[in-house]
Amino acid sequence: MIIAIPGDMGKFVSDTAAGKNPFPLITIIESNFPGWAANLYLLVVVAAIYVCCLAIQTSTIRLAFGMARDGKLPFGKYFNRVSPGLHTPIGTCIVIGVLAGLPLVYYAGAATIAIGATGMIYLSYILGNIAILLARLRGWPKDAAPFRLGQWGTIVNILGLVWGVAMEINFLWPRDATVGGQNPPLSALPKITVPDFLSNIPVYEFTLGVIILVGLVYWAVAQRKAPETPIVQPVEAPA
């Protein structure tokens, strides 16, 4: 994509930073293909993004279903019922769909929304890698399997954790409009007025802080004294 930038690269970058070229990737595609080929290319891109969004939403629904079933989500017992006809937790699907659509009520640009979304995905990878690494240090996995990495599993685990932390730092690093506008301060968001003491906080740090604060409050109020979820052992089918 960089090689295919039309004309003067410096002007292209400055126009993009100034908002004169709000969709730089589309401009690059349309500048290098005939009209019909560019439309076909963009149609494939739209289809790919749509399928990826469906996959992410599906995995989120499955995660929410499991957590609500174990009593780890507020009001889970009300929306987490499986439809006897469709065999699907319709309420959970609706809740996740509404939550996914809420950021679009206030639309400050796909890039700004992607900062929080992608950064949170990497945060979930970090938490998962930490849990798996702790299990490996305690001797997991103990059962033989057709494919296993052996001692390399711990090394790969650590490398994955280092990569995830590096990417999280990348998302947390504030950047203003002069270098692309990723993770701008709250004061840079249009159609919103924030108090002065919050104006210089970057978008991603603010999003992360709100989620952590809400999570801590919910844990202290509803989960701190909640009973442990029993581990259900799988039942082996008869030979």
C-alpha atoms as a PDB file:
ATOM      1  CA  MET A   1       0.000   0.000   0.000  1.00  0.00           C
ATOM      2  CA  ILE A   2       2.859   2.397   0.782  1.00  0.00           C
ATOM      3  CA  ILE A   3       4.568   1.691  -2.545  1.00  0.00           C
ATOM      4  CA  ALA A   4       1.280   2.292  -4.360  1.00  0.00           C
ATOM      5  CA  ILE A   5       0.672   5.785  -2.877  1.00  0.00           C
ATOM      6  CA  PRO A   6      -0.118   8.052  -5.828  1.00  0.00           C
ATOM      7  CA  GLY A   7       1.885  11.207  -6.487  1.00  0.00           C
ATOM      8  CA  ASP A   8       3.990  12.898  -3.807  1.00  0.00           C
ATOM      9  CA  MET A   9       4.072  10.827  -0.617  1.00  0.00           C
ATOM     10  CA  GLY A  10       4.697  13.838   1.634  1.00  0.00           C
ATOM     11  CA  LYS A  11       1.643  15.675   0.313  1.00  0.00           C
ATOM     12  CA  PHE A  12      -0.458  12.515   0.553  1.00  0.00           C
ATOM     13  CA  VAL A  13       0.497  12.058   4.211  1.00  0.00           C
ATOM     14  CA  SER A  14      -0.054  15.733   5.077  1.00  0.00           C
ATOM     15  CA  ASP A  15      -3.472  15.753   3.347  1.00  0.00           C
ATOM     16  CA  THR A  16      -4.457  12.638   5.275  1.00  0.00           C
ATOM     17  CA  ALA A  17      -3.355  14.150   8.616  1.00  0.00           C
ATOM     18  CA  ALA A  18      -5.249  17.361   7.821  1.00  0.00           C
ATOM     19  CA  GLY A  19      -8.463  15.488   7.060  1.00  0.00           C
ATOM     20  CA  LYS A  20      -8.443  16.329   3.337  1.00  0.00           C
ATOM     21  CA  ASN A  21      -8.105  12.639   2.508  1.00  0.00           C
ATOM     22  CA  PRO A  22     -10.284  10.838   5.094  1.00  0.00           C
ATOM     23  CA  PHE A  23     -10.059   7.413   3.409  1.00  0.00           C
ATOM     24  CA  PRO A  24      -6.419   7.039   2.290  1.00  0.00           C
ATOM     25  CA  LEU A  25      -6.581   3.301   1.591  1.00  0.00           C
ATOM     26  CA  ILE A  26      -9.594   3.743  -0.700  1.00  0.00           C
ATOM     27  CA  THR A  27      -7.788   6.587  -2.491  1.00  0.00           C
ATOM     28  CA  ILE A  28      -4.762   4.349  -3.086  1.00  0.00           C
ATOM     29  CA  ILE A  29      -6.916   1.508  -4.437  1.00  0.00           C
ATOM     30  CA  GLU A  30      -8.932   3.777  -6.735  1.00  0.00           C
ATOM     31  CA  SER A  31      -5.753   5.421  -8.039  1.00  0.00           C
ATOM     32  CA  ASN A  32      -4.190   2.118  -9.107  1.00  0.00           C
ATOM     33  CA  PHE A  33      -7.145   0.198 -10.562  1.00  0.00           C
ATOM     34  CA  PRO A  34      -9.792   0.854 -13.186  1.00  0.00           C
ATOM     35  CA  GLY A  35     -13.190   1.758 -11.740  1.00  0.00           C
ATOM     36  CA  TRP A  36     -14.690  -1.737 -12.014  1.00  0.00           C
ATOM     37  CA  ALA A  37     -11.571  -3.416 -10.571  1.00  0.00           C
ATOM     38  CA  ALA A  38     -11.402  -0.941  -7.661  1.00  0.00           C
ATOM     39  CA  ASN A  39     -15.075  -1.596  -6.848  1.00  0.00           C
ATOM     40  CA  LEU A  40     -14.486  -5.353  -6.974  1.00  0.00           C
ATOM     41  CA  TYR A  41     -11.435  -4.978  -4.713  1.00  0.00           C
ATOM     42  CA  LEU A  42     -13.388  -2.881  -2.209  1.00  0.00           C
ATOM     43  CA  LEU A  43     -16.288  -5.360  -2.304  1.00  0.00           C
ATOM     44  CA  VAL A  44     -13.906  -8.141  -1.274  1.00  0.00           C
ATOM     45  CA  VAL A  45     -12.549  -5.910   1.508  1.00  0.00           C
ATOM     46  CA  VAL A  46     -16.078  -5.172   2.762  1.00  0.00           C
ATOM     47  CA  ALA A  47     -16.942  -8.882   2.729  1.00  0.00           C
ATOM     48  CA  ALA A  48     -13.754  -9.755   4.627  1.00  0.00           C
ATOM     49  CA  ILE A  49     -14.360  -7.100   7.292  1.00  0.00           C
ATOM     50  CA  TYR A  50     -18.011  -8.167   7.619  1.00  0.00           C
ATOM     51  CA  VAL A  51     -17.063 -11.829   8.130  1.00  0.00           C
ATOM     52  CA  CYS A  52     -14.360 -10.877  10.666  1.00  0.00           C
ATOM     53  CA  CYS A  53     -16.858  -8.763  12.613  1.00  0.00           C
ATOM     54  CA  LEU A  54     -19.313 -11.672  12.664  1.00  0.00           C
ATOM     55  CA  ALA A  55     -16.577 -14.009  13.941  1.00  0.00           C
ATOM     56  CA  ILE A  56     -15.604 -11.576  16.716  1.00  0.00           C
ATOM     57  CA  GLN A  57     -19.235 -11.038  17.688  1.00  0.00           C
ATOM     58  CA  THR A  58     -19.871 -14.794  17.745  1.00  0.00           C
ATOM     59  CA  SER A  59     -16.866 -15.451  19.987  1.00  0.00           C
ATOM     60  CA  THR A  60     -17.961 -12.622  22.297  1.00  0.00           C
ATOM     61  CA  ILE A  61     -21.452 -14.121  22.534  1.00  0.00           C
ATOM     62  CA  ARG A  62     -19.979 -17.516  23.433  1.00  0.00           C
ATOM     63  CA  LEU A  63     -17.751 -15.920  26.086  1.00  0.00           C
ATOM     64  CA  ALA A  64     -20.636 -13.913  27.541  1.00  0.00           C
ATOM     65  CA  PHE A  65     -22.844 -17.015  27.550  1.00  0.00           C
ATOM     66  CA  GLY A  66     -20.247 -18.990  29.508  1.00  0.00           C
ATOM     67  CA  MET A  67     -19.589 -16.183  31.997  1.00  0.00           C
ATOM     68  CA  ALA A  68     -23.288 -15.491  32.534  1.00  0.00           C
ATOM     69  CA  ARG A  69     -23.945 -19.205  32.993  1.00  0.00           C
ATOM     70  CA  ASP A  70     -21.297 -19.227  35.747  1.00  0.00           C
ATOM     71  CA  GLY A  71     -22.827 -16.177  37.424  1.00  0.00           C
ATOM     72  CA  LYS A  72     -20.000 -13.804  36.488  1.00  0.00           C
ATOM     73  CA  LEU A  73     -22.033 -11.208  34.546  1.00  0.00           C
ATOM     74  CA  PRO A  74     -24.667  -8.853  35.984  1.00  0.00           C
ATOM     75  CA  PHE A  75     -28.281  -9.789  35.165  1.00  0.00           C
ATOM     76  CA  GLY A  76     -27.008 -12.893  33.359  1.00  0.00           C
ATOM     77  CA  LYS A  77     -29.856 -15.058  34.612  1.00  0.00           C
ATOM     78  CA  TYR A  78     -32.347 -12.801  32.820  1.00  0.00           C
ATOM     79  CA  PHE A  79     -30.807 -12.648  29.340  1.00  0.00           C
ATOM     80  CA  ASN A  80     -28.833 -15.885  29.187  1.00  0.00           C
ATOM     81  CA  ARG A  81     -31.654 -18.334  28.512  1.00  0.00           C
ATOM     82  CA  VAL A  82     -31.393 -20.762  25.614  1.00  0.00           C
ATOM     83  CA  SER A  83     -34.343 -20.735  23.223  1.00  0.00           C
ATOM     84  CA  PRO A  84     -35.933 -24.220  23.164  1.00  0.00           C
ATOM     85  CA  GLY A  85     -36.786 -23.793  19.489  1.00  0.00           C
ATOM     86  CA  LEU A  86     -33.620 -22.222  18.088  1.00  0.00           C
ATOM     87  CA  HIS A  87     -31.253 -23.733  20.699  1.00  0.00           C
ATOM     88  CA  THR A  88     -29.549 -20.334  20.893  1.00  0.00           C
ATOM     89  CA  PRO A  89     -29.155 -17.813  23.740  1.00  0.00           C
ATOM     90  CA  ILE A  90     -31.140 -15.129  21.898  1.00  0.00           C
ATOM     91  CA  GLY A  91     -31.015 -12.694  24.829  1.00  0.00           C
ATOM     92  CA  THR A  92     -27.222 -12.911  24.968  1.00  0.00           C
ATOM     93  CA  CYS A  93     -27.027 -12.283  21.215  1.00  0.00           C
ATOM     94  CA  ILE A  94     -29.191  -9.172  21.570  1.00  0.00           C
ATOM     95  CA  VAL A  95     -27.198  -7.822  24.538  1.00  0.00           C
ATOM     96  CA  ILE A  96     -23.858  -8.247  22.749  1.00  0.00           C
ATOM     97  CA  GLY A  97     -25.283  -6.744  19.550  1.00  0.00           C
ATOM     98  CA  VAL A  98     -26.531  -3.665  21.411  1.00  0.00           C
ATOM     99  CA  LEU A  99     -23.234  -3.228  23.261  1.00  0.00           C
ATOM    100  CA  ALA A 100     -21.316  -3.544  19.989  1.00  0.00           C
ATOM    101  CA  GLY A 101     -23.499  -0.870  18.407  1.00  0.00           C
ATOM    102  CA  LEU A 102     -23.312   1.669  21.247  1.00  0.00           C
ATOM    103  CA  PRO A 103     -19.995   3.254  20.112  1.00  0.00           C
ATOM    104  CA  LEU A 104     -21.603   3.998  16.754  1.00  0.00           C
ATOM    105  CA  VAL A 105     -24.225   6.212  18.446  1.00  0.00           C
ATOM    106  CA  TYR A 106     -21.379   8.633  18.928  1.00  0.00           C
ATOM    107  CA  TYR A 107     -19.248   8.140  15.848  1.00  0.00           C
ATOM    108  CA  ALA A 108     -15.847   9.804  16.136  1.00  0.00           C
ATOM    109  CA  GLY A 109     -14.271   7.870  13.295  1.00  0.00           C
ATOM    110  CA  ALA A 110     -13.501   4.213  12.737  1.00  0.00           C
ATOM    111  CA  ALA A 111      -9.850   4.708  13.668  1.00  0.00           C
ATOM    112  CA  THR A 112     -10.716   6.053  17.124  1.00  0.00           C
ATOM    113  CA  ILE A 113     -13.116   3.196  17.832  1.00  0.00           C
ATOM    114  CA  ALA A 114     -10.551   0.696  16.525  1.00  0.00           C
ATOM    115  CA  ILE A 115      -7.985   1.989  19.043  1.00  0.00           C
ATOM    116  CA  GLY A 116     -10.079   0.826  21.985  1.00  0.00           C
ATOM    117  CA  ALA A 117     -11.359  -2.342  20.326  1.00  0.00           C
ATOM    118  CA  THR A 118      -8.000  -3.644  19.085  1.00  0.00           C
ATOM    119  CA  GLY A 119      -6.180  -2.598  22.236  1.00  0.00           C
ATOM    120  CA  MET A 120      -8.696  -4.528  24.338  1.00  0.00           C
ATOM    121  CA  ILE A 121      -8.231  -7.602  22.149  1.00  0.00           C
ATOM    122  CA  TYR A 122      -4.482  -7.542  22.841  1.00  0.00           C
ATOM    123  CA  LEU A 123      -5.202  -7.066  26.537  1.00  0.00           C
ATOM    124  CA  SER A 124      -7.305 -10.247  26.491  1.00  0.00           C
ATOM    125  CA  TYR A 125      -4.419 -12.064  24.762  1.00  0.00           C
ATOM    126  CA  ILE A 126      -2.058 -10.872  27.515  1.00  0.00           C
ATOM    127  CA  LEU A 127      -4.366 -12.109  30.288  1.00  0.00           C
ATOM    128  CA  GLY A 128      -4.803 -15.468  28.539  1.00  0.00           C
ATOM    129  CA  ASN A 129      -1.049 -15.841  28.020  1.00  0.00           C
ATOM    130  CA  ILE A 130      -0.379 -15.069  31.685  1.00  0.00           C
ATOM    131  CA  ALA A 131      -2.878 -17.723  32.802  1.00  0.00           C
ATOM    132  CA  ILE A 132      -1.421 -20.324  30.418  1.00  0.00           C
ATOM    133  CA  LEU A 133       2.164 -19.496  31.427  1.00  0.00           C
ATOM    134  CA  LEU A 134       1.316 -19.916  35.124  1.00  0.00           C
ATOM    135  CA  ALA A 135      -0.288 -23.276  34.309  1.00  0.00           C
ATOM    136  CA  ARG A 136       2.807 -24.353  32.347  1.00  0.00           C
ATOM    137  CA  LEU A 137       5.097 -23.421  35.237  1.00  0.00           C
ATOM    138  CA  ARG A 138       2.952 -25.690  37.440  1.00  0.00           C
ATOM    139  CA  GLY A 139       3.470 -28.649  35.129  1.00  0.00           C
ATOM    140  CA  TRP A 140       0.616 -28.316  32.598  1.00  0.00           C
ATOM    141  CA  PRO A 141      -0.027 -30.109  30.309  1.00  0.00           C
ATOM    142  CA  LYS A 142       0.423 -33.434  32.048  1.00  0.00           C
ATOM    143  CA  ASP A 143      -1.400 -35.625  29.538  1.00  0.00           C
ATOM    144  CA  ALA A 144       0.227 -36.750  26.310  1.00  0.00           C
ATOM    145  CA  ALA A 145      -1.278 -35.484  23.067  1.00  0.00           C
ATOM    146  CA  PRO A 146      -0.773 -36.288  19.373  1.00  0.00           C
ATOM    147  CA  PHE A 147       0.871 -32.873  18.939  1.00  0.00           C
ATOM    148  CA  ARG A 148       2.731 -31.003  21.655  1.00  0.00           C
ATOM    149  CA  LEU A 149       5.521 -28.445  21.749  1.00  0.00           C
ATOM    150  CA  GLY A 150       7.154 -29.827  24.871  1.00  0.00           C
ATOM    151  CA  GLN A 151       9.656 -27.391  26.376  1.00  0.00           C
ATOM    152  CA  TRP A 152       9.194 -25.126  23.358  1.00  0.00           C
ATOM    153  CA  GLY A 153       5.649 -24.464  24.563  1.00  0.00           C
ATOM    154  CA  THR A 154       6.920 -22.313  27.441  1.00  0.00           C
ATOM    155  CA  ILE A 155       9.273 -20.421  25.131  1.00  0.00           C
ATOM    156  CA  VAL A 156       6.503 -19.724  22.624  1.00  0.00           C
ATOM    157  CA  ASN A 157       4.243 -18.711  25.510  1.00  0.00           C
ATOM    158  CA  ILE A 158       6.796 -16.184  26.796  1.00  0.00           C
ATOM    159  CA  LEU A 159       7.430 -14.807  23.296  1.00  0.00           C
ATOM    160  CA  GLY A 160       3.691 -14.377  22.801  1.00  0.00           C
ATOM    161  CA  LEU A 161       3.422 -12.566  26.131  1.00  0.00           C
ATOM    162  CA  VAL A 162       6.332 -10.243  25.251  1.00  0.00           C
ATOM    163  CA  TRP A 163       4.737  -9.495  21.876  1.00  0.00           C
ATOM    164  CA  GLY A 164       1.368  -8.768  23.469  1.00  0.00           C
ATOM    165  CA  VAL A 165       2.873  -6.402  26.056  1.00  0.00           C
ATOM    166  CA  ALA A 166       4.825  -4.591  23.319  1.00  0.00           C
ATOM    167  CA  MET A 167       1.655  -4.157  21.261  1.00  0.00           C
ATOM    168  CA  GLU A 168      -0.258  -2.922  24.307  1.00  0.00           C
ATOM    169  CA  ILE A 169       2.443  -0.292  24.915  1.00  0.00           C
ATOM    170  CA  ASN A 170       2.093   0.657  21.248  1.00  0.00           C
ATOM    171  CA  PHE A 171      -1.626   1.268  21.712  1.00  0.00           C
ATOM    172  CA  LEU A 172      -1.088   3.139  24.987  1.00  0.00           C
ATOM    173  CA  TRP A 173       1.468   5.492  23.404  1.00  0.00           C
ATOM    174  CA  PRO A 174      -0.248   8.855  22.831  1.00  0.00           C
ATOM    175  CA  ARG A 175      -0.091  10.229  19.280  1.00  0.00           C
ATOM    176  CA  ASP A 176      -1.520  13.505  18.068  1.00  0.00           C
ATOM    177  CA  ALA A 177      -2.693  14.406  14.572  1.00  0.00           C
ATOM    178  CA  THR A 178       0.814  15.242  13.341  1.00  0.00           C
ATOM    179  CA  VAL A 179       1.784  11.564  13.432  1.00  0.00           C
ATOM    180  CA  GLY A 180      -1.466  10.005  12.330  1.00  0.00           C
ATOM    181  CA  GLY A 181      -3.836  10.805  15.179  1.00  0.00           C
ATOM    182  CA  GLN A 182      -3.794   7.362  16.809  1.00  0.00           C
ATOM    183  CA  ASN A 183      -4.813   7.530  20.470  1.00  0.00           C
ATOM    184  CA  PRO A 184      -5.528  11.275  20.618  1.00  0.00           C
ATOM    185  CA  PRO A 185      -6.443  13.074  23.871  1.00  0.00           C
ATOM    186  CA  LEU A 186     -10.092  13.310  24.866  1.00  0.00           C
ATOM    187  CA  SER A 187     -10.084  17.017  24.023  1.00  0.00           C
ATOM    188  CA  ALA A 188      -9.515  16.124  20.345  1.00  0.00           C
ATOM    189  CA  LEU A 189     -12.807  14.231  20.074  1.00  0.00           C
ATOM    190  CA  PRO A 190     -15.501  16.173  18.222  1.00  0.00           C
ATOM    191  CA  LYS A 191     -18.999  16.808  19.603  1.00  0.00           C
ATOM    192  CA  ILE A 192     -17.940  16.257  23.178  1.00  0.00           C
ATOM    193  CA  THR A 193     -16.856  18.510  26.045  1.00  0.00           C
ATOM    194  CA  VAL A 194     -14.775  17.043  28.846  1.00  0.00           C
ATOM    195  CA  PRO A 195     -13.618  18.613  32.123  1.00  0.00           C
ATOM    196  CA  ASP A 196     -10.165  20.185  32.038  1.00  0.00           C
ATOM    197  CA  PHE A 197      -8.631  17.545  34.302  1.00  0.00           C
ATOM    198  CA  LEU A 198      -9.634  14.844  31.780  1.00  0.00           C
ATOM    199  CA  SER A 199      -8.905  16.703  28.553  1.00  0.00           C
ATOM    200  CA  ASN A 200      -5.295  15.548  28.168  1.00  0.00           C
ATOM    201  CA  ILE A 201      -5.951  11.855  28.908  1.00  0.00           C
ATOM    202  CA  PRO A 202      -5.547   9.752  25.732  1.00  0.00           C
ATOM    203  CA  VAL A 203      -8.641   7.953  24.449  1.00  0.00           C
ATOM    204  CA  TYR A 204      -7.348   4.434  24.995  1.00  0.00           C
ATOM    205  CA  GLU A 205      -6.050   5.091  28.518  1.00  0.00           C
ATOM    206  CA  PHE A 206      -9.427   6.602  29.434  1.00  0.00           C
ATOM    207  CA  THR A 207     -11.320   3.619  27.967  1.00  0.00           C
ATOM    208  CA  LEU A 208      -9.056   1.150  29.746  1.00  0.00           C
ATOM    209  CA  GLY A 209      -9.359   3.042  33.034  1.00  0.00           C
ATOM    210  CA  VAL A 210     -13.167   3.131  32.872  1.00  0.00           C
ATOM    211  CA  ILE A 211     -13.376  -0.618  32.179  1.00  0.00           C
ATOM    212  CA  ILE A 212     -10.956  -1.442  35.020  1.00  0.00           C
ATOM    213  CA  LEU A 213     -12.838   0.838  37.430  1.00  0.00           C
ATOM    214  CA  VAL A 214     -16.234  -0.624  36.502  1.00  0.00           C
ATOM    215  CA  GLY A 215     -14.801  -4.135  36.802  1.00  0.00           C
ATOM    216  CA  LEU A 216     -13.347  -3.450  40.258  1.00  0.00           C
ATOM    217  CA  VAL A 217     -16.622  -1.965  41.504  1.00  0.00           C
ATOM    218  CA  TYR A 218     -18.613  -4.911  40.156  1.00  0.00           C
ATOM    219  CA  TRP A 219     -16.153  -7.396  41.696  1.00  0.00           C
ATOM    220  CA  ALA A 220     -16.273  -5.654  45.084  1.00  0.00           C
ATOM    221  CA  VAL A 221     -20.067  -5.406  45.122  1.00  0.00           C
ATOM    222  CA  ALA A 222     -21.190  -8.641  43.486  1.00  0.00           C
ATOM    223  CA  GLN A 223     -18.295 -11.084  43.064  1.00  0.00           C
ATOM    224  CA  ARG A 224     -15.964 -10.736  46.038  1.00  0.00           C
ATOM    225  CA  LYS A 225     -18.030 -13.020  48.251  1.00  0.00           C
ATOM    226  CA  ALA A 226     -19.638 -15.050  45.481  1.00  0.00           C
ATOM    227  CA  PRO A 227     -19.154 -18.832  45.726  1.00  0.00           C
ATOM    228  CA  GLU A 228     -16.579 -20.454  43.477  1.00  0.00           C
ATOM    229  CA  THR A 229     -17.913 -21.856  40.232  1.00  0.00           C
ATOM    230  CA  PRO A 230     -17.750 -25.665  40.372  1.00  0.00           C
ATOM    231  CA  ILE A 231     -15.617 -27.292  37.692  1.00  0.00           C
ATOM    232  CA  VAL A 232     -17.689 -29.764  35.696  1.00  0.00           C
ATOM    233  CA  GLN A 233     -15.631 -32.759  34.622  1.00  0.00           C
ATOM    234  CA  PRO A 234     -16.369 -34.045  31.103  1.00  0.00           C
ATOM    235  CA  VAL A 235     -18.214 -37.340  30.974  1.00  0.00           C
ATOM    236  CA  GLU A 236     -16.513 -39.953  28.822  1.00  0.00           C
ATOM    237  CA  ALA A 237     -18.697 -41.741  26.330  1.00  0.00           C
ATOM    238  CA  PRO A 238     -18.976 -45.499  26.821  1.00  0.00           C
ATOM    239  CA  ALA A 239     -16.680 -47.579  24.645  1.00  0.00           C
END
